């Protein structure tokens, strides 16, 4: 199977080449199975199959050790890739079908496995699935700073991208329980995997990277020395990692919260899930305007504050109606964090390119992705701590206070983590290379 070449695109499709909507299609493709995974993998293995939270945390920890090596390596290799189809497209094309296979395997664990075999199945499929996911995310996000330039243009593209993302999140979160309740987890994975593959390959066929001559890439040590020595990059990603922990924690905790706190069935759960994500869609446009008015960094900091206060009602609500109202408020807070970080990060990469004369999106995205993906470990540790404090072990042994455990996970811990994000963001300063510049070059984008 060959990757579509540039010349194979029919002329009538030219107007879609590098359109923000085509680029956003990639986000939609990634998020449908990605959100189903992040929301239900813990629920599937811990509450459905009976894997202990402790073993689930161990598996996540082992993966992070592997991720510390493979993520930056794949980012470096992506930056050095040179083909007729560009640097990123071949990686996106070939990693996609392998991700689908691993996604299906992850949700196909046989019933009745003993604890050690279930742990082994979870660990192996998790490592392979997340490795492919990491490759896809690094290369997809590396396209953004190259294809679109300037804060205003990027804010527009980011708003469109996150509108698509929220629709995908809604499908991956609220529609998923309807599908697995009727057809089972494995068929749900097959369906979402097929959707992902078709849409990702469509995006790859209609995206064109710059064919301008590139200077020779930096050697391995020099590339990472420049990246790891960028203070602004570290501040951005450390602040984002705590907020991303909240995203992962909320996604993984929602099914437990609906069951143990709100007392609703899996059939009614989509209503609560929808309340969280439907409210994000109109708020994406609000944050786009805030970026234009306040600038990307101020809007980014404001997003942390709004997100922190939006989770507090989850500590107190009861029943479906109150839960849906609180969920809508969380959606408002979450939307700001989805739109603002990418604009700030893309500008950091621009400034690095001005300094070094080389664009290294792959290395930046890989290292930043590892920092942010460490949030998965923090979320798993939060689950483990809640289990210790409130006696929750698994679905077969929920302990005496499962309601308190998941109020703690959905309300208190997210507020603390977002307060840390905001505090860290106050230390952010643009690199010195930008001083004295009054305008960022902006390029037009087909829409």
Protein backbone atom coordinates (compact mmCIF):
# COMPACT_ATOMS: atom_id res chain seq x y z
CA UNK A 1 0.00 0.00 0.00
CA UNK A 2 1.64 3.26 -1.13
CA UNK A 3 1.30 6.72 0.38
CA UNK A 4 -0.57 9.08 -1.98
CA UNK A 5 1.89 11.28 -3.86
CA UNK A 6 1.42 15.00 -4.42
CA UNK A 7 0.56 14.59 -8.07
CA UNK A 8 -2.24 12.11 -7.34
CA UNK A 9 -4.57 14.76 -5.87
CA UNK A 10 -7.29 15.66 -8.40
CA UNK A 11 -7.46 19.40 -9.24
CA UNK A 12 -10.99 19.78 -7.83
CA UNK A 13 -9.62 18.97 -4.38
CA UNK A 14 -6.86 21.59 -4.49
CA UNK A 15 -8.90 24.09 -2.47
CA UNK A 16 -8.91 21.62 0.44
CA UNK A 17 -5.14 21.27 0.55
CA UNK A 18 -3.94 22.44 3.99
CA UNK A 19 -7.40 23.75 4.84
CA UNK A 20 -7.84 24.21 8.62
CA UNK A 21 -10.85 21.90 8.35
CA UNK A 22 -8.80 19.13 6.76
CA UNK A 23 -6.10 19.58 9.40
CA UNK A 24 -8.77 19.48 12.12
CA UNK A 25 -10.02 16.20 10.64
CA UNK A 26 -6.80 14.65 11.95
CA UNK A 27 -7.65 15.80 15.46
CA UNK A 28 -11.15 14.35 15.12
CA UNK A 29 -9.67 11.04 13.96
CA UNK A 30 -7.20 10.86 16.85
CA UNK A 31 -9.71 11.84 19.52
CA UNK A 32 -12.55 9.39 18.78
CA UNK A 33 -10.60 6.27 19.86
CA UNK A 34 -8.30 8.34 22.09
CA UNK A 35 -11.15 9.64 24.22
CA UNK A 36 -12.81 6.24 24.39
CA UNK A 37 -9.49 4.84 25.59
CA UNK A 38 -8.74 7.53 28.20
CA UNK A 39 -12.29 7.48 29.59
CA UNK A 40 -12.91 3.74 29.70
CA UNK A 41 -9.64 1.80 29.84
CA UNK A 42 -9.41 2.07 33.65
CA UNK A 43 -13.11 1.37 34.00
CA UNK A 44 -12.81 -1.65 31.70
CA UNK A 45 -9.79 -3.20 33.42
CA UNK A 46 -10.44 -2.15 37.04
CA UNK A 47 -14.21 -2.13 37.44
CA UNK A 48 -15.19 -4.57 34.67
CA UNK A 49 -12.35 -7.11 34.64
CA UNK A 50 -11.25 -6.67 38.28
CA UNK A 51 -7.61 -5.60 37.83
CA UNK A 52 -6.44 -3.86 41.01
CA UNK A 53 -5.67 -0.12 40.91
CA UNK A 54 -2.18 -0.92 42.20
CA UNK A 55 -1.35 -3.17 39.22
CA UNK A 56 -2.87 -0.64 36.80
CA UNK A 57 -0.56 2.02 38.28
CA UNK A 58 2.47 -0.28 37.94
CA UNK A 59 1.65 -0.86 34.25
CA UNK A 60 1.41 2.87 33.62
CA UNK A 61 4.73 3.44 35.38
CA UNK A 62 6.52 0.82 33.26
CA UNK A 63 5.13 2.40 30.12
CA UNK A 64 6.40 5.85 31.13
CA UNK A 65 9.95 4.50 31.46
CA UNK A 66 9.70 3.18 27.89
CA UNK A 67 8.06 6.41 26.73
CA UNK A 68 10.96 8.46 28.10
CA UNK A 69 13.18 6.74 25.52
CA UNK A 70 11.01 6.16 22.48
CA UNK A 71 9.10 9.48 22.38
CA UNK A 72 12.10 11.83 21.95
CA UNK A 73 13.78 9.30 19.65
CA UNK A 74 10.82 9.19 17.26
CA UNK A 75 10.59 12.99 17.34
CA UNK A 76 14.25 13.30 16.39
CA UNK A 77 13.86 10.74 13.58
CA UNK A 78 10.78 12.56 12.31
CA UNK A 79 12.71 15.85 12.04
CA UNK A 80 15.42 14.05 10.04
CA UNK A 81 12.99 12.24 7.72
CA UNK A 82 13.20 13.34 4.08
CA UNK A 83 10.85 11.81 1.51
CA UNK A 84 8.87 12.90 -1.54
CA UNK A 85 5.82 13.07 0.74
CA UNK A 86 7.41 15.19 3.47
CA UNK A 87 8.72 14.53 6.96
CA UNK A 88 5.50 13.84 8.89
CA UNK A 89 3.09 12.21 6.44
CA UNK A 90 4.85 8.81 6.13
CA UNK A 91 4.88 8.41 9.92
CA UNK A 92 1.19 9.29 10.14
CA UNK A 93 0.29 6.94 7.30
CA UNK A 94 2.05 3.82 8.59
CA UNK A 95 1.49 4.22 12.34
CA UNK A 96 -2.28 4.56 11.89
CA UNK A 97 -3.20 0.91 11.07
CA UNK A 98 -0.89 -0.43 13.81
CA UNK A 99 -2.62 1.82 16.34
CA UNK A 100 -5.98 0.39 15.26
CA UNK A 101 -4.80 -3.18 15.85
CA UNK A 102 -3.52 -2.31 19.32
CA UNK A 103 -6.68 -0.39 20.21
CA UNK A 104 -8.79 -3.44 19.38
CA UNK A 105 -6.43 -5.74 21.31
CA UNK A 106 -6.55 -3.48 24.36
CA UNK A 107 -10.32 -3.88 24.62
CA UNK A 108 -10.28 -7.59 23.75
CA UNK A 109 -8.80 -9.00 26.97
CA UNK A 110 -10.38 -12.41 27.55
CA UNK A 111 -12.69 -12.77 30.53
CA UNK A 112 -11.50 -15.02 33.35
CA UNK A 113 -7.76 -14.30 33.20
CA UNK A 114 -6.01 -14.50 36.55
CA UNK A 115 -4.45 -11.33 37.97
CA UNK A 116 -0.94 -11.88 36.58
CA UNK A 117 -2.10 -12.74 33.05
CA UNK A 118 -4.59 -9.86 32.98
CA UNK A 119 -1.81 -7.50 34.10
CA UNK A 120 0.50 -8.83 31.38
CA UNK A 121 -2.17 -8.41 28.67
CA UNK A 122 -2.86 -4.87 29.86
CA UNK A 123 0.82 -3.94 30.02
CA UNK A 124 1.81 -5.24 26.57
CA UNK A 125 -1.18 -3.82 24.70
CA UNK A 126 -0.87 -0.52 26.58
CA UNK A 127 2.80 -0.11 25.61
CA UNK A 128 2.18 -0.92 21.94
CA UNK A 129 -0.96 1.20 21.71
CA UNK A 130 0.59 4.23 23.40
CA UNK A 131 3.78 3.94 21.34
CA UNK A 132 1.79 4.26 18.12
CA UNK A 133 -0.32 7.01 19.66
CA UNK A 134 2.84 8.90 20.60
CA UNK A 135 4.22 8.67 17.05
CA UNK A 136 0.93 9.93 15.64
CA UNK A 137 0.59 12.82 18.09
CA UNK A 138 4.19 14.01 17.61
CA UNK A 139 3.90 14.08 13.83
CA UNK A 140 0.37 15.50 13.73
CA UNK A 141 1.16 18.36 16.11
CA UNK A 142 4.47 19.01 14.33
CA UNK A 143 2.50 19.99 11.23
CA UNK A 144 0.72 22.84 13.04
CA UNK A 145 3.66 25.29 13.49
CA UNK A 146 4.88 24.62 9.94
CA UNK A 147 1.58 24.93 8.07
CA UNK A 148 0.19 27.97 9.91
CA UNK A 149 2.07 31.09 11.02
CA UNK A 150 1.19 34.00 13.33
CA UNK A 151 -0.83 34.08 16.57
CA UNK A 152 -4.09 35.21 14.95
CA UNK A 153 -3.97 32.59 12.21
CA UNK A 154 -2.99 29.89 14.67
CA UNK A 155 -5.73 30.91 17.09
CA UNK A 156 -8.25 30.53 14.26
CA UNK A 157 -6.92 27.12 13.25
CA UNK A 158 -6.75 26.03 16.89
CA UNK A 159 -10.37 27.07 17.44
CA UNK A 160 -11.51 25.04 14.42
CA UNK A 161 -9.33 22.14 15.46
CA UNK A 162 -10.72 22.10 18.98
CA UNK A 163 -14.29 22.39 17.73
CA UNK A 164 -13.67 19.13 15.86
CA UNK A 165 -11.93 17.75 18.92
CA UNK A 166 -14.89 18.37 21.20
CA UNK A 167 -17.31 16.68 18.82
CA UNK A 168 -14.94 13.69 18.79
CA UNK A 169 -14.64 13.81 22.58
CA UNK A 170 -18.42 13.81 22.85
CA UNK A 171 -18.61 10.74 20.61
CA UNK A 172 -15.72 8.99 22.36
CA UNK A 173 -17.16 9.70 25.79
CA UNK A 174 -20.96 9.83 25.61
CA UNK A 175 -21.66 7.46 22.70
CA UNK A 176 -19.14 4.82 23.78
CA UNK A 177 -21.20 3.37 26.67
CA UNK A 178 -24.22 3.01 24.38
CA UNK A 179 -22.11 1.00 21.95
CA UNK A 180 -20.34 -1.27 24.41
CA UNK A 181 -23.55 -1.84 26.37
CA UNK A 182 -25.18 -3.20 23.22
CA UNK A 183 -22.31 -4.71 21.24
CA UNK A 184 -19.45 -5.17 23.71
CA UNK A 185 -16.07 -3.50 24.14
CA UNK A 186 -14.29 -5.29 21.29
CA UNK A 187 -16.84 -4.27 18.63
CA UNK A 188 -16.77 -0.72 19.95
CA UNK A 189 -12.99 -0.73 19.42
CA UNK A 190 -13.33 -2.12 15.89
CA UNK A 191 -15.87 0.58 14.95
CA UNK A 192 -13.87 3.48 16.38
CA UNK A 193 -10.65 2.10 14.90
CA UNK A 194 -12.18 2.02 11.43
CA UNK A 195 -13.44 5.61 11.77
CA UNK A 196 -9.99 6.72 12.89
CA UNK A 197 -8.17 5.01 10.01
CA UNK A 198 -10.40 6.39 7.25
CA UNK A 199 -10.28 9.97 8.55
CA UNK A 200 -6.55 9.96 9.32
CA UNK A 201 -5.64 8.67 5.87
CA UNK A 202 -7.97 11.30 4.34
CA UNK A 203 -6.11 14.05 6.20
CA UNK A 204 -2.72 12.65 5.19
CA UNK A 205 -3.81 12.65 1.52
CA UNK A 206 -4.82 16.33 1.65
CA UNK A 207 -1.97 17.84 3.70
CA UNK A 208 1.14 19.20 1.99
CA UNK A 209 4.31 20.09 3.85
CA UNK A 210 6.67 22.78 2.62
CA UNK A 211 9.00 21.57 -0.14
CA UNK A 212 11.48 24.41 0.40
CA UNK A 213 15.10 23.26 0.85
CA UNK A 214 15.96 22.65 4.49
CA UNK A 215 19.35 23.10 6.15
CA UNK A 216 20.97 19.97 7.47
CA UNK A 217 19.38 19.00 10.80
CA UNK A 218 21.19 19.43 14.10
CA UNK A 219 23.00 16.35 15.45
CA UNK A 220 21.22 14.35 18.14
CA UNK A 221 22.98 15.87 21.16
CA UNK A 222 22.82 19.44 19.85
CA UNK A 223 19.12 19.13 18.97
CA UNK A 224 18.18 18.02 22.46
CA UNK A 225 20.59 20.44 24.14
CA UNK A 226 18.84 23.37 22.45
CA UNK A 227 15.41 22.00 23.29
CA UNK A 228 16.12 21.10 26.91
CA UNK A 229 17.88 24.42 27.46
CA UNK A 230 14.80 26.41 26.43
CA UNK A 231 13.38 27.76 29.72
CA UNK A 232 10.12 28.98 28.17
CA UNK A 233 9.49 25.53 26.71
CA UNK A 234 9.92 23.94 30.15
CA UNK A 235 7.62 26.39 31.91
CA UNK A 236 4.92 25.94 29.25
CA UNK A 237 4.96 22.17 29.38
CA UNK A 238 5.27 21.79 33.15
CA UNK A 239 2.26 24.05 33.62
CA UNK A 240 0.36 22.18 30.91
CA UNK A 241 1.25 18.78 32.37
CA UNK A 242 -0.63 19.45 35.60
CA UNK A 243 -3.68 20.67 33.68
CA UNK A 244 -3.44 17.69 31.33
CA UNK A 245 -3.46 15.48 34.42
CA UNK A 246 -6.81 17.04 35.24
CA UNK A 247 -8.11 16.25 31.73
CA UNK A 248 -7.04 12.64 32.07
CA UNK A 249 -8.28 12.37 35.63
CA UNK A 250 -11.71 13.74 34.78
CA UNK A 251 -12.02 11.50 31.74
CA UNK A 252 -11.00 8.37 33.64
CA UNK A 253 -13.11 9.23 36.70
CA UNK A 254 -16.36 10.18 34.95
CA UNK A 255 -17.79 6.64 34.69
CA UNK A 256 -16.95 5.98 38.36
CA UNK A 257 -18.36 9.37 39.40
CA UNK A 258 -21.60 8.71 37.52
CA UNK A 259 -21.96 5.28 39.13
CA UNK A 260 -20.94 5.95 42.73
CA UNK A 261 -21.68 9.67 43.24
CA UNK A 262 -24.61 10.47 40.97
CA UNK A 263 -26.08 6.97 41.22
CA UNK A 264 -27.02 6.73 37.55
CA UNK A 265 -26.97 3.69 35.27
CA UNK A 266 -24.73 3.13 32.23
CA UNK A 267 -27.78 3.76 30.03
CA UNK A 268 -28.26 7.27 31.49
CA UNK A 269 -24.53 8.03 31.80
CA UNK A 270 -24.29 9.60 28.29
CA UNK A 271 -26.50 12.50 29.44
CA UNK A 272 -24.02 13.43 32.14
CA UNK A 273 -21.06 12.92 29.81
CA UNK A 274 -22.68 15.06 27.12
CA UNK A 275 -23.20 17.92 29.58
CA UNK A 276 -19.46 18.16 30.13
CA UNK A 277 -18.47 18.34 26.48
CA UNK A 278 -21.39 20.00 24.66
CA UNK A 279 -20.75 23.26 26.52
CA UNK A 280 -17.15 23.33 25.25
CA UNK A 281 -18.11 23.83 21.59
CA UNK A 282 -19.49 27.40 21.81
CA UNK A 283 -16.81 28.40 24.32
CA UNK A 284 -14.02 27.63 21.83
CA UNK A 285 -15.01 30.78 19.89
CA UNK A 286 -14.92 32.81 23.13
CA UNK A 287 -11.34 31.75 23.84
CA UNK A 288 -10.33 32.55 20.26
CA UNK A 289 -11.51 36.12 20.85
CA UNK A 290 -9.75 36.26 24.21
CA UNK A 291 -6.46 35.29 22.57
CA UNK A 292 -6.89 38.13 20.07
CA UNK A 293 -7.73 40.59 22.86
CA UNK A 294 -5.38 39.55 25.66
CA UNK A 295 -2.57 37.82 23.79
CA UNK A 296 -1.78 34.12 23.90
CA UNK A 297 0.06 34.04 27.25
CA UNK A 298 -2.51 36.02 29.26
CA UNK A 299 -5.34 33.97 27.77
CA UNK A 300 -3.42 30.79 28.63
CA UNK A 301 -3.06 31.85 32.27
CA UNK A 302 -6.72 32.87 32.48
CA UNK A 303 -7.70 29.41 31.19
CA UNK A 304 -6.09 27.77 34.24
CA UNK A 305 -8.04 30.01 36.62
CA UNK A 306 -11.37 29.40 34.88
CA UNK A 307 -10.75 25.64 34.75
CA UNK A 308 -9.81 25.46 38.46
CA UNK A 309 -12.99 27.11 39.71
CA UNK A 310 -15.19 25.18 37.28
CA UNK A 311 -14.41 21.80 38.94
CA UNK A 312 -15.31 22.80 42.50
CA UNK A 313 -19.11 22.16 42.21
CA UNK A 314 -18.32 18.48 41.55
CA UNK A 315 -17.53 18.20 45.27
CA UNK A 316 -21.13 18.91 46.26
CA UNK A 317 -23.69 17.88 43.60
CA UNK A 318 -26.15 14.97 43.84
CA UNK A 319 -28.20 13.25 41.15
CA UNK A 320 -28.32 13.57 37.38
CA UNK A 321 -29.68 17.12 37.04
CA UNK A 322 -27.18 18.72 39.40
CA UNK A 323 -24.46 16.61 37.85
CA UNK A 324 -25.30 17.87 34.35
CA UNK A 325 -25.24 21.51 35.50
CA UNK A 326 -21.86 21.01 37.14
CA UNK A 327 -20.62 19.17 34.06
CA UNK A 328 -21.56 22.09 31.81
CA UNK A 329 -19.51 24.41 34.02
CA UNK A 330 -16.51 22.08 33.75
CA UNK A 331 -16.86 22.24 29.96
CA UNK A 332 -16.52 26.02 30.09
CA UNK A 333 -13.31 25.76 32.10
CA UNK A 334 -11.83 22.98 30.00
CA UNK A 335 -12.36 24.78 26.69
CA UNK A 336 -9.78 27.48 27.47
CA UNK A 337 -7.07 24.94 28.17
CA UNK A 338 -7.80 23.14 24.91
CA UNK A 339 -7.37 26.27 22.74
CA UNK A 340 -4.56 28.32 24.29
CA UNK A 341 -1.44 26.11 24.83
CA UNK A 342 -0.89 25.24 21.16
CA UNK A 343 -0.65 28.91 20.16
CA UNK A 344 1.97 29.60 22.84
CA UNK A 345 3.94 26.47 21.98
CA UNK A 346 3.99 27.18 18.25
CA UNK A 347 5.48 30.63 18.87
CA UNK A 348 8.25 29.09 21.00
CA UNK A 349 9.16 26.84 18.05
CA UNK A 350 9.20 29.86 15.72
CA UNK A 351 11.63 31.67 18.01
CA UNK A 352 13.84 28.59 18.24
CA UNK A 353 13.93 28.43 14.43
CA UNK A 354 15.01 32.08 14.30
CA UNK A 355 17.83 31.26 16.71
CA UNK A 356 19.08 27.98 15.21
CA UNK A 357 18.03 28.38 11.56
CA UNK A 358 16.27 24.97 11.71
CA UNK A 359 12.68 24.00 12.43
CA UNK A 360 12.58 21.12 14.92
CA UNK A 361 8.89 20.59 15.61
CA UNK A 362 9.37 16.85 16.03
CA UNK A 363 11.87 17.11 18.89
CA UNK A 364 9.86 19.82 20.63
CA UNK A 365 6.59 17.92 20.30
CA UNK A 366 8.16 14.64 21.41
CA UNK A 367 9.83 16.07 24.52
CA UNK A 368 6.78 18.18 25.34
CA UNK A 369 4.55 15.20 24.70
CA UNK A 370 6.55 13.09 27.15
CA UNK A 371 6.26 15.77 29.84
CA UNK A 372 2.53 16.05 29.26
CA UNK A 373 1.99 12.28 28.93
CA UNK A 374 3.55 11.90 32.35
CA UNK A 375 0.21 13.27 33.45
CA UNK A 376 -1.14 9.77 32.85
CA UNK A 377 1.13 8.53 35.59
CA UNK A 378 0.05 11.35 37.91
CA UNK A 379 -3.59 10.51 37.24
CA UNK A 380 -2.93 6.83 38.00
CA UNK A 381 -1.17 7.81 41.24
CA UNK A 382 -4.18 9.98 42.16
CA UNK A 383 -6.43 6.93 41.68
CA UNK A 384 -4.12 4.88 43.86
CA UNK A 385 -4.05 7.53 46.62
CA UNK A 386 -7.84 7.83 46.55
CA UNK A 387 -8.06 4.05 46.86
CA UNK A 388 -5.79 4.08 49.91
CA UNK A 389 -7.63 6.97 51.57
CA UNK A 390 -11.17 5.73 50.98
CA UNK A 391 -10.75 1.95 50.67
CA UNK A 392 -11.63 1.56 46.98
CA UNK A 393 -9.82 -1.44 45.41
CA UNK A 394 -11.84 -2.45 42.34
CA UNK A 395 -15.38 -2.92 41.10
CA UNK A 396 -15.62 -6.19 43.00
CA UNK A 397 -14.32 -4.52 46.18
CA UNK A 398 -15.37 -0.82 46.16
CA UNK A 399 -14.83 -0.34 49.88
CA UNK A 400 -17.00 1.59 52.34
CA UNK A 401 -16.74 5.08 50.78
CA UNK A 402 -16.56 4.93 46.97
CA UNK A 403 -18.64 8.14 46.70
CA UNK A 404 -16.10 10.12 48.73
CA UNK A 405 -13.23 8.65 46.70
CA UNK A 406 -14.58 9.90 43.39
CA UNK A 407 -15.67 13.30 44.70
CA UNK A 408 -12.06 13.65 45.83
CA UNK A 409 -10.79 12.63 42.37
CA UNK A 410 -13.19 14.85 40.40
CA UNK A 411 -13.20 17.99 42.53
CA UNK A 412 -10.44 18.43 45.10
CA UNK A 413 -7.38 17.03 43.26
CA UNK A 414 -8.17 18.85 39.97
CA UNK A 415 -8.50 22.19 41.78
CA UNK A 416 -5.12 21.73 43.47
CA UNK A 417 -3.41 20.66 40.22
CA UNK A 418 -4.82 23.63 38.29
CA UNK A 419 -3.70 26.01 41.02
CA UNK A 420 -0.20 24.60 40.53
CA UNK A 421 -0.52 25.09 36.74
CA UNK A 422 -1.43 28.74 37.16
CA UNK A 423 1.41 29.34 39.63
CA UNK A 424 3.96 27.79 37.27
CA UNK A 425 2.60 29.83 34.33
CA UNK A 426 3.45 33.06 36.15
CA UNK A 427 7.14 32.29 35.60
CA UNK A 428 6.74 32.16 31.81
CA UNK A 429 8.65 34.71 29.73
CA UNK A 430 9.22 34.79 25.99
CA UNK A 431 12.79 33.89 24.95
CA UNK A 432 15.11 36.87 24.50
CA UNK A 433 15.23 36.42 20.75
CA UNK A 434 11.75 37.97 20.51
CA UNK A 435 12.62 41.21 22.29
CA UNK A 436 12.49 44.22 20.01
CA UNK A 437 10.05 42.55 17.62
CA UNK A 438 6.66 44.16 17.39
CA UNK A 439 4.93 42.00 14.87
CA UNK A 440 4.74 38.28 14.14
CA UNK A 441 4.66 37.28 10.50
CA UNK A 442 1.25 35.94 9.56
CA UNK A 443 0.46 33.84 6.51
CA UNK A 444 -2.91 33.39 4.88
CA UNK A 445 -4.79 30.16 5.38
CA UNK A 446 -7.30 28.62 3.00
CA UNK A 447 -10.65 28.06 4.67
